[in-house]
N, C-alpha and C. Protein backbone atom coordinates (compact mmCIF):
# COMPACT_ATOMS: atom_id res chain seq x y z
N MET A 1 -4.76 -8.61 2.35
CA MET A 1 -3.41 -8.78 2.88
C MET A 1 -3.40 -8.31 4.31
N GLU A 2 -2.82 -9.14 5.16
CA GLU A 2 -2.74 -8.81 6.55
C GLU A 2 -1.68 -7.75 6.73
N SER A 3 -1.94 -6.76 7.60
CA SER A 3 -0.99 -5.68 7.81
C SER A 3 0.30 -6.16 8.43
N LYS A 4 1.40 -5.76 7.88
CA LYS A 4 2.71 -6.20 8.36
C LYS A 4 3.40 -4.97 9.02
N LYS A 5 4.39 -5.26 9.78
CA LYS A 5 5.19 -4.18 10.32
C LYS A 5 5.96 -3.57 9.16
N PHE A 6 6.26 -2.24 9.24
CA PHE A 6 6.90 -1.57 8.17
C PHE A 6 8.21 -2.24 7.80
N GLU A 7 9.02 -2.59 8.75
CA GLU A 7 10.32 -3.17 8.50
C GLU A 7 10.19 -4.51 7.77
N GLN A 8 9.22 -5.36 8.13
CA GLN A 8 9.01 -6.63 7.48
C GLN A 8 8.56 -6.41 6.02
N ALA A 9 7.66 -5.44 5.82
CA ALA A 9 7.21 -5.16 4.47
C ALA A 9 8.37 -4.70 3.61
N MET A 10 9.21 -3.82 4.13
CA MET A 10 10.37 -3.35 3.39
C MET A 10 11.33 -4.48 3.03
N LYS A 11 11.56 -5.40 3.96
CA LYS A 11 12.43 -6.53 3.69
C LYS A 11 11.87 -7.38 2.50
N GLU A 12 10.57 -7.63 2.59
CA GLU A 12 9.94 -8.40 1.56
C GLU A 12 9.99 -7.66 0.17
N LEU A 13 9.84 -6.38 0.21
CA LEU A 13 9.89 -5.57 -0.96
C LEU A 13 11.31 -5.64 -1.57
N ASN A 14 12.35 -5.57 -0.73
CA ASN A 14 13.73 -5.66 -1.21
C ASN A 14 13.99 -7.03 -1.83
N VAL A 15 13.46 -8.08 -1.26
CA VAL A 15 13.62 -9.42 -1.84
C VAL A 15 13.01 -9.47 -3.23
N ILE A 16 11.82 -8.94 -3.32
CA ILE A 16 11.10 -8.94 -4.63
C ILE A 16 11.92 -8.17 -5.68
N VAL A 17 12.45 -7.01 -5.30
CA VAL A 17 13.23 -6.19 -6.21
C VAL A 17 14.48 -7.02 -6.70
N LYS A 18 15.13 -7.68 -5.82
CA LYS A 18 16.33 -8.51 -6.21
C LYS A 18 15.92 -9.62 -7.13
N GLU A 19 14.75 -10.23 -6.86
CA GLU A 19 14.30 -11.30 -7.74
C GLU A 19 13.96 -10.75 -9.13
N LEU A 20 13.35 -9.58 -9.18
CA LEU A 20 12.98 -8.98 -10.49
C LEU A 20 14.20 -8.53 -11.26
N GLU A 21 15.29 -8.19 -10.55
CA GLU A 21 16.54 -7.80 -11.21
C GLU A 21 17.34 -8.95 -11.72
N SER A 22 17.03 -10.14 -11.25
CA SER A 22 17.76 -11.30 -11.72
C SER A 22 17.36 -11.74 -13.13
N ASP A 23 18.23 -12.49 -13.78
CA ASP A 23 17.91 -12.97 -15.11
C ASP A 23 17.19 -14.31 -15.09
N ASP A 24 16.95 -14.86 -13.89
CA ASP A 24 16.42 -16.20 -13.76
C ASP A 24 14.91 -16.23 -13.53
N ILE A 25 14.20 -15.13 -13.84
CA ILE A 25 12.75 -15.09 -13.61
C ILE A 25 12.03 -15.00 -14.95
N GLY A 26 10.97 -15.78 -15.00
CA GLY A 26 10.11 -15.76 -16.22
C GLY A 26 9.20 -14.59 -16.22
N LEU A 27 8.62 -14.31 -17.36
CA LEU A 27 7.70 -13.15 -17.47
C LEU A 27 6.51 -13.25 -16.56
N GLU A 28 5.84 -14.39 -16.51
CA GLU A 28 4.65 -14.53 -15.70
C GLU A 28 5.00 -14.38 -14.23
N ASP A 29 6.13 -14.94 -13.78
CA ASP A 29 6.53 -14.84 -12.41
C ASP A 29 6.88 -13.38 -12.13
N ALA A 30 7.55 -12.70 -13.04
CA ALA A 30 7.92 -11.32 -12.88
C ALA A 30 6.69 -10.44 -12.69
N ILE A 31 5.68 -10.69 -13.49
CA ILE A 31 4.45 -9.89 -13.33
C ILE A 31 3.80 -10.08 -11.99
N GLU A 32 3.75 -11.33 -11.51
CA GLU A 32 3.20 -11.63 -10.23
C GLU A 32 4.04 -10.98 -9.06
N LYS A 33 5.36 -11.06 -9.21
CA LYS A 33 6.22 -10.41 -8.23
C LYS A 33 6.02 -8.88 -8.25
N PHE A 34 5.88 -8.35 -9.45
CA PHE A 34 5.67 -6.87 -9.59
C PHE A 34 4.37 -6.47 -8.86
N LYS A 35 3.30 -7.25 -9.11
CA LYS A 35 2.03 -6.95 -8.44
C LYS A 35 2.19 -6.99 -6.92
N SER A 36 2.85 -8.01 -6.43
CA SER A 36 3.09 -8.18 -4.96
C SER A 36 3.89 -7.00 -4.45
N GLY A 37 4.90 -6.62 -5.21
CA GLY A 37 5.77 -5.45 -4.83
C GLY A 37 5.01 -4.18 -4.79
N MET A 38 4.09 -3.97 -5.66
CA MET A 38 3.28 -2.75 -5.68
C MET A 38 2.36 -2.71 -4.44
N VAL A 39 1.77 -3.83 -4.11
CA VAL A 39 0.96 -3.87 -2.90
C VAL A 39 1.81 -3.54 -1.68
N LEU A 40 2.98 -4.14 -1.55
CA LEU A 40 3.86 -3.81 -0.42
C LEU A 40 4.30 -2.36 -0.43
N ALA A 41 4.63 -1.84 -1.60
CA ALA A 41 5.02 -0.39 -1.69
C ALA A 41 3.88 0.52 -1.21
N LYS A 42 2.71 0.21 -1.63
CA LYS A 42 1.58 1.03 -1.19
C LYS A 42 1.35 0.96 0.30
N GLU A 43 1.49 -0.27 0.83
CA GLU A 43 1.34 -0.47 2.30
C GLU A 43 2.37 0.35 3.05
N CYS A 44 3.62 0.31 2.55
CA CYS A 44 4.69 1.09 3.23
C CYS A 44 4.44 2.54 3.12
N HIS A 45 3.95 3.02 2.02
CA HIS A 45 3.64 4.45 1.83
C HIS A 45 2.56 4.88 2.80
N LEU A 46 1.54 4.06 2.94
CA LEU A 46 0.45 4.39 3.85
C LEU A 46 0.90 4.48 5.33
N LYS A 47 1.79 3.49 5.67
CA LYS A 47 2.32 3.46 7.01
C LYS A 47 3.12 4.69 7.30
N LEU A 48 3.98 5.12 6.34
CA LEU A 48 4.77 6.31 6.49
C LEU A 48 3.91 7.55 6.62
N SER A 49 2.83 7.61 5.86
CA SER A 49 1.89 8.70 5.95
C SER A 49 1.23 8.82 7.32
N GLU A 50 0.88 7.65 7.87
CA GLU A 50 0.22 7.62 9.20
C GLU A 50 1.24 8.08 10.23
N ILE A 51 2.46 7.68 10.14
CA ILE A 51 3.52 8.11 11.08
C ILE A 51 3.75 9.60 10.96
N GLU A 52 3.78 10.13 9.76
CA GLU A 52 4.01 11.56 9.57
C GLU A 52 2.90 12.37 10.20
N LYS A 53 1.65 11.89 10.09
CA LYS A 53 0.49 12.58 10.73
C LYS A 53 0.63 12.53 12.27
N SER A 54 1.13 11.41 12.78
CA SER A 54 1.31 11.27 14.22
C SER A 54 2.34 12.25 14.71
N VAL A 55 3.45 12.34 13.97
CA VAL A 55 4.51 13.29 14.37
C VAL A 55 4.01 14.70 14.36
N HIS A 56 3.24 15.07 13.35
CA HIS A 56 2.67 16.40 13.29
C HIS A 56 1.74 16.67 14.44
N GLN A 57 1.05 15.69 14.91
CA GLN A 57 0.15 15.84 16.05
C GLN A 57 0.95 16.04 17.31
N ILE A 58 2.12 15.39 17.42
CA ILE A 58 2.91 15.49 18.62
C ILE A 58 3.57 16.91 18.70
N ILE A 59 3.94 17.43 17.62
CA ILE A 59 4.58 18.75 17.59
C ILE A 59 3.68 19.78 17.01
N ASN A 60 3.35 20.75 17.76
CA ASN A 60 2.44 21.80 17.25
C ASN A 60 3.26 22.83 16.42
N ASN A 61 2.59 23.83 15.88
CA ASN A 61 3.24 24.82 15.00
C ASN A 61 4.41 25.57 15.64
N GLU A 62 4.45 25.64 16.94
CA GLU A 62 5.56 26.37 17.62
C GLU A 62 6.68 25.46 18.08
N GLY A 63 6.64 24.17 17.70
CA GLY A 63 7.69 23.28 18.10
C GLY A 63 7.53 22.77 19.51
N GLN A 64 6.40 22.98 20.12
CA GLN A 64 6.14 22.52 21.49
C GLN A 64 5.55 21.14 21.44
N LEU A 65 5.92 20.31 22.37
CA LEU A 65 5.33 18.96 22.45
C LEU A 65 3.88 19.05 22.86
N GLU A 66 3.01 18.27 22.16
CA GLU A 66 1.64 18.17 22.53
C GLU A 66 1.49 17.00 23.48
N THR A 67 0.39 16.96 24.20
CA THR A 67 0.15 15.85 25.16
C THR A 67 -0.58 14.69 24.50
N ASN A 68 -0.96 14.80 23.23
CA ASN A 68 -1.65 13.65 22.52
C ASN A 68 -0.69 12.53 22.36
N LYS A 69 -1.19 11.29 22.49
CA LYS A 69 -0.38 10.13 22.28
C LYS A 69 -0.51 9.72 20.82
N LEU A 70 0.45 8.94 20.33
CA LEU A 70 0.38 8.41 18.95
C LEU A 70 -0.89 7.64 18.72
N GLY A 71 -1.49 7.85 17.58
CA GLY A 71 -2.70 7.12 17.22
C GLY A 71 -3.98 7.71 17.71
N GLU A 72 -3.93 8.82 18.39
CA GLU A 72 -5.16 9.44 18.89
C GLU A 72 -5.60 10.56 17.95
């Protein structure tokens, strides 16, 4: 799966959730949507973890800004 921006992945995940909550979806389709949703959820979780690490690199233990740039 190609990496998506966090916001796009969340939008797609929300669409899948709404589809799964509807009464108009068959079991096989629901399973496929669930699998796709789990992939998107994992991708979002990984992106948030990366961002959290970047924020911790920017701010040191004393609350001072570091000179490191994001992603370094």
